Protein backbone atom coordinates (compact mmCIF):
# COMPACT_ATOMS: atom_id res chain seq x y z
CA MET A 1 291.97 -8.07 51.10
CA GLY A 2 294.40 -9.31 53.12
CA ASP A 3 293.12 -7.59 56.51
CA ALA A 4 292.01 -9.64 59.77
CA SER A 5 288.25 -9.22 59.18
CA THR A 6 285.78 -8.27 61.66
CA ILE A 7 283.65 -10.86 59.70
CA PRO A 8 283.84 -14.10 60.85
CA PHE A 9 286.59 -16.56 58.59
CA ARG A 10 283.66 -18.90 57.44
CA ILE A 11 281.58 -15.58 55.52
CA GLU A 12 285.21 -14.61 54.37
CA VAL A 13 285.69 -17.92 52.31
CA ILE A 14 281.65 -17.44 50.70
CA ARG A 15 282.74 -13.89 49.81
CA LYS A 16 285.83 -14.76 47.53
CA ALA A 17 283.62 -17.67 45.93
CA ILE A 18 281.48 -15.79 45.25
CA HIS A 19 284.56 -13.05 44.19
CA PHE A 20 285.94 -15.60 41.88
CA CYS A 21 282.83 -15.20 39.97
CA SER A 22 285.26 -11.92 38.65
CA LEU A 23 287.03 -14.79 37.08
CA SER A 24 284.16 -14.12 34.48
CA ILE A 25 285.23 -10.66 33.02
CA PRO A 26 288.71 -11.63 31.86
CA VAL A 27 288.01 -14.87 30.50
CA LEU A 28 285.33 -13.96 28.71
CA TYR A 29 286.82 -10.31 27.31
CA TYR A 30 289.18 -12.39 25.84
CA PHE A 31 287.01 -13.73 23.39
CA LEU A 32 285.41 -10.60 23.28
CA PRO A 33 285.69 -7.04 20.95
CA LYS A 34 286.44 -4.39 23.18
CA SER A 35 283.09 -2.92 21.52
CA THR A 36 281.41 -5.82 23.47
CA GLY A 37 282.16 -5.80 26.70
CA LEU A 38 281.85 -2.07 27.14
CA LEU A 39 278.77 -2.43 26.32
CA ILE A 40 277.76 -5.13 28.88
CA LEU A 41 280.02 -3.76 31.25
CA ILE A 42 278.32 0.33 30.98
CA PRO A 43 274.60 -1.21 31.69
CA LEU A 44 275.35 -3.27 34.37
CA THR A 45 277.90 -0.95 35.59
CA ALA A 46 275.13 1.38 35.74
CA GLY A 47 272.85 -0.40 37.32
CA PHE A 48 275.21 -1.43 40.07
CA VAL A 49 276.15 2.32 41.23
CA ILE A 50 272.16 2.72 41.22
CA THR A 51 271.83 0.60 43.60
CA ASP A 52 274.09 1.58 46.34
CA ILE A 53 273.63 4.93 46.09
CA LEU A 54 269.52 4.23 46.48
CA ARG A 55 270.46 2.11 49.28
CA HIS A 56 271.70 5.03 51.17
CA GLN A 57 269.99 7.58 50.07
CA HIS A 58 266.39 5.59 49.72
CA PRO A 59 265.69 3.44 53.03
CA PRO A 60 263.26 0.69 51.27
CA THR A 61 265.73 -0.11 49.19
CA ALA A 62 268.69 0.15 52.21
CA ARG A 63 266.47 -2.40 54.65
CA LEU A 64 265.89 -4.58 51.30
CA PHE A 65 269.72 -4.29 50.50
CA GLN A 66 270.46 -5.47 54.22
CA LYS A 67 268.12 -8.18 54.83
CA LEU A 68 269.56 -9.91 51.44
CA PHE A 69 273.47 -9.18 51.16
CA GLY A 70 273.93 -7.82 54.57
CA TRP A 71 275.85 -10.57 56.19
CA LEU A 72 277.92 -10.67 53.39
CA LEU A 73 278.73 -7.31 54.13
CA ARG A 74 282.01 -5.30 55.55
CA GLU A 75 281.53 -2.78 58.55
CA HIS A 76 282.84 0.08 55.71
CA GLU A 77 280.14 -1.26 52.97
CA THR A 78 277.48 -0.65 55.67
CA GLY A 79 277.14 2.72 54.67
CA GLU A 80 276.80 3.30 58.76
CA LYS A 81 280.19 4.99 58.73
CA MET A 82 280.59 6.70 55.40
CA LYS A 83 278.78 6.39 52.48
CA THR A 84 280.39 4.22 49.71
CA LEU A 85 280.36 1.56 47.26
CA ASN A 86 280.40 -1.83 47.83
CA GLY A 87 283.08 -4.40 47.11
CA GLY A 88 281.54 -5.82 43.79
CA THR A 89 280.29 -2.09 42.72
CA TYR A 90 283.71 -1.80 42.84
CA MET A 91 285.22 -4.30 40.87
CA LEU A 92 282.21 -3.52 38.27
CA VAL A 93 283.67 -0.26 37.91
CA SER A 94 286.54 -1.20 37.92
CA ALA A 95 286.56 -3.40 35.03
CA THR A 96 284.76 -0.52 33.28
CA ILE A 97 287.51 2.03 33.44
CA CYS A 98 290.69 -0.80 32.68
CA VAL A 99 288.51 -1.92 29.31
CA LEU A 100 288.00 1.62 28.45
CA ILE A 101 291.97 2.51 29.08
CA PHE A 102 294.18 -0.08 28.61
CA PRO A 103 294.87 -2.76 26.09
CA LYS A 104 293.52 -6.63 25.89
CA LEU A 105 296.37 -8.04 27.28
CA PHE A 106 297.04 -5.53 30.79
CA VAL A 107 293.23 -5.93 31.73
CA ILE A 108 293.14 -9.74 31.32
CA THR A 109 296.24 -9.98 33.43
CA ALA A 110 295.35 -7.32 36.34
CA PHE A 111 292.20 -8.44 36.69
CA ALA A 112 293.54 -12.24 36.94
CA ILE A 113 295.84 -11.47 39.73
CA LEU A 114 293.08 -9.15 40.88
CA ILE A 115 291.19 -12.33 42.19
CA PHE A 116 294.00 -14.84 43.21
CA GLY A 117 296.22 -12.56 44.40
CA ASP A 118 292.87 -10.88 46.97
CA ALA A 119 291.52 -14.38 47.52
CA ALA A 120 294.41 -15.41 48.81
CA ALA A 121 295.78 -12.37 50.88
CA ALA A 122 292.44 -12.44 52.52
CA LEU A 123 292.04 -15.61 53.34
CA ILE A 124 295.74 -16.38 54.42
CA GLY A 125 295.88 -13.06 56.14
CA GLN A 126 293.15 -13.53 58.01
CA ARG A 127 294.00 -16.94 59.59
CA TYR A 128 297.47 -16.91 59.69
CA GLY A 129 298.60 -13.13 59.43
CA LYS A 130 300.27 -11.72 62.33
CA HIS A 131 302.87 -9.32 61.01
CA ARG A 132 300.98 -5.67 60.55
CA ILE A 133 302.52 -3.85 57.76
CA LEU A 134 300.35 -0.84 59.05
CA THR A 135 299.27 -0.35 62.36
CA ARG A 136 297.35 2.54 61.67
CA ASN A 137 295.47 1.02 58.64
CA PRO A 138 291.88 -0.20 59.93
CA LYS A 139 292.18 -3.04 57.63
CA LYS A 140 294.74 -4.62 59.25
CA LYS A 141 297.08 -5.49 55.89
CA SER A 142 299.00 -7.97 57.25
CA ILE A 143 302.81 -9.69 55.60
CA GLU A 144 301.66 -12.77 55.30
CA GLY A 145 298.18 -11.72 53.38
CA SER A 146 300.72 -9.70 51.10
CA LEU A 147 303.53 -12.57 50.61
CA ALA A 148 300.07 -14.86 49.69
CA PHE A 149 299.25 -12.07 47.49
CA LEU A 150 302.53 -11.61 45.58
CA ILE A 151 302.75 -15.89 45.43
CA SER A 152 299.52 -15.93 43.72
CA ALA A 153 300.01 -13.52 41.35
CA ILE A 154 303.49 -14.75 40.62
CA LEU A 155 301.23 -17.88 39.36
CA VAL A 156 298.87 -15.98 37.48
CA VAL A 157 301.62 -13.65 34.89
CA LEU A 158 303.02 -17.46 34.60
CA ILE A 159 300.04 -18.61 32.46
CA THR A 160 298.09 -15.31 31.00
CA PRO A 161 299.03 -14.34 27.71
CA LYS A 162 302.13 -12.92 26.64
CA ILE A 163 302.43 -11.22 23.02
CA ALA A 164 306.11 -13.30 22.13
CA HIS A 165 307.03 -14.99 25.66
CA THR A 166 309.79 -13.25 26.00
CA ALA A 167 311.69 -13.26 29.45
CA ALA A 168 310.74 -9.59 29.89
CA GLU A 169 307.51 -9.74 29.23
CA TYR A 170 308.14 -12.85 32.40
CA PHE A 171 309.51 -9.36 34.70
CA ILE A 172 306.96 -7.10 33.65
CA GLY A 173 304.30 -9.47 34.50
CA ILE A 174 306.22 -9.82 37.64
CA ALA A 175 306.98 -6.42 38.29
CA GLY A 176 302.90 -5.69 37.89
CA ALA A 177 302.33 -8.52 40.50
CA PHE A 178 304.60 -6.53 42.55
CA VAL A 179 302.75 -2.88 42.38
CA GLY A 180 299.94 -4.70 42.64
CA MET A 181 300.37 -6.68 46.30
CA VAL A 182 301.81 -2.68 47.25
CA ALA A 183 298.46 -1.10 45.63
CA GLU A 184 296.67 -4.13 47.95
CA ALA A 185 298.12 -3.63 51.19
CA LEU A 186 298.08 0.04 50.84
CA SER A 187 293.91 -0.07 50.22
CA SER A 188 291.77 1.91 52.80
CA ASP A 189 287.93 2.36 52.69
CA ILE A 190 288.45 5.04 50.35
CA VAL A 191 290.29 3.69 47.96
CA ASP A 192 289.04 -0.26 47.20
CA ASP A 193 291.42 -2.67 46.26
CA ASN A 194 289.40 -3.30 43.19
CA LEU A 195 289.54 -0.27 42.28
CA ALA A 196 293.08 0.52 43.05
CA VAL A 197 294.86 -3.15 42.28
CA PRO A 198 293.92 -3.26 38.47
CA VAL A 199 294.65 -0.04 37.93
CA SER A 200 297.35 0.62 39.60
CA ILE A 201 298.76 -2.66 37.79
CA GLY A 202 297.93 -1.61 34.34
CA ALA A 203 299.26 1.49 34.54
CA ALA A 204 302.53 -0.48 35.79
CA MET A 205 302.73 -2.85 32.69
CA TRP A 206 301.90 -0.24 30.46
CA VAL A 207 305.17 2.08 31.63
CA LEU A 208 307.09 -1.14 31.58
CA TYR A 209 306.12 -2.37 28.00
CA LEU A 210 307.12 0.89 26.48
CA LEU A 211 310.57 1.14 28.18
CA LEU A 212 311.47 -2.73 27.89
CA ALA A 213 309.48 -4.05 24.98
CA PRO A 214 309.26 -0.97 22.88
CA ASP A 215 308.87 -2.85 19.73
CA LEU A 216 306.04 -5.50 20.66
CA ASN A 217 302.50 -5.25 19.77
CA ILE A 218 300.64 -4.41 23.15
CA TYR A 219 297.27 -4.06 21.04
CA HIS A 220 298.28 -7.84 19.52
CA LEU A 221 295.14 -9.24 21.50
CA ASP A 222 292.50 -6.32 20.76
CA ARG A 223 289.93 -6.65 17.59
């Protein structure tokens, strides 16, 4: 989230350190069949969603959640202004949707981009972001944060799995990274970037593979 966050930079660093634990999603999914991935993700996601619903509807749960995790939440995640899921829940919802819909190749690339790109955008954007993309965007996304996202995402594209390592595949990956950057920059409190970024990247890659590399088997990692 490449915004000038209302939380201290130190807390943002801790949030992103926790965020990197989500790297387990693409790493483990690389080795697991889709059915096993969903067997893990669906109940885990359901548990997080139920917890978020309870904290908005059940005061004792809300107090406990705030006591344990309130210091990590951004203002829009507290539920004081609007009832919404927290970033971790959005991450799991996004992972479940992507595993259900997209080939494994796209899921791994999209989530690796999200994790590294989001961290770079948030930290660089908060510390060095001076030029706002949209002045009316409450998240105050910056050009500096978005560029940090794109650079990190391109580096991720260079090392994530490919089918035949053709020039077209790298172009597709970089184009997907650019789409992810735009999705991250335009995300809002209503459409969380943990959901918008991987879904938009997966969709973009699917379209581009069909257009530019139709002979390649996009399901070669699936089993």
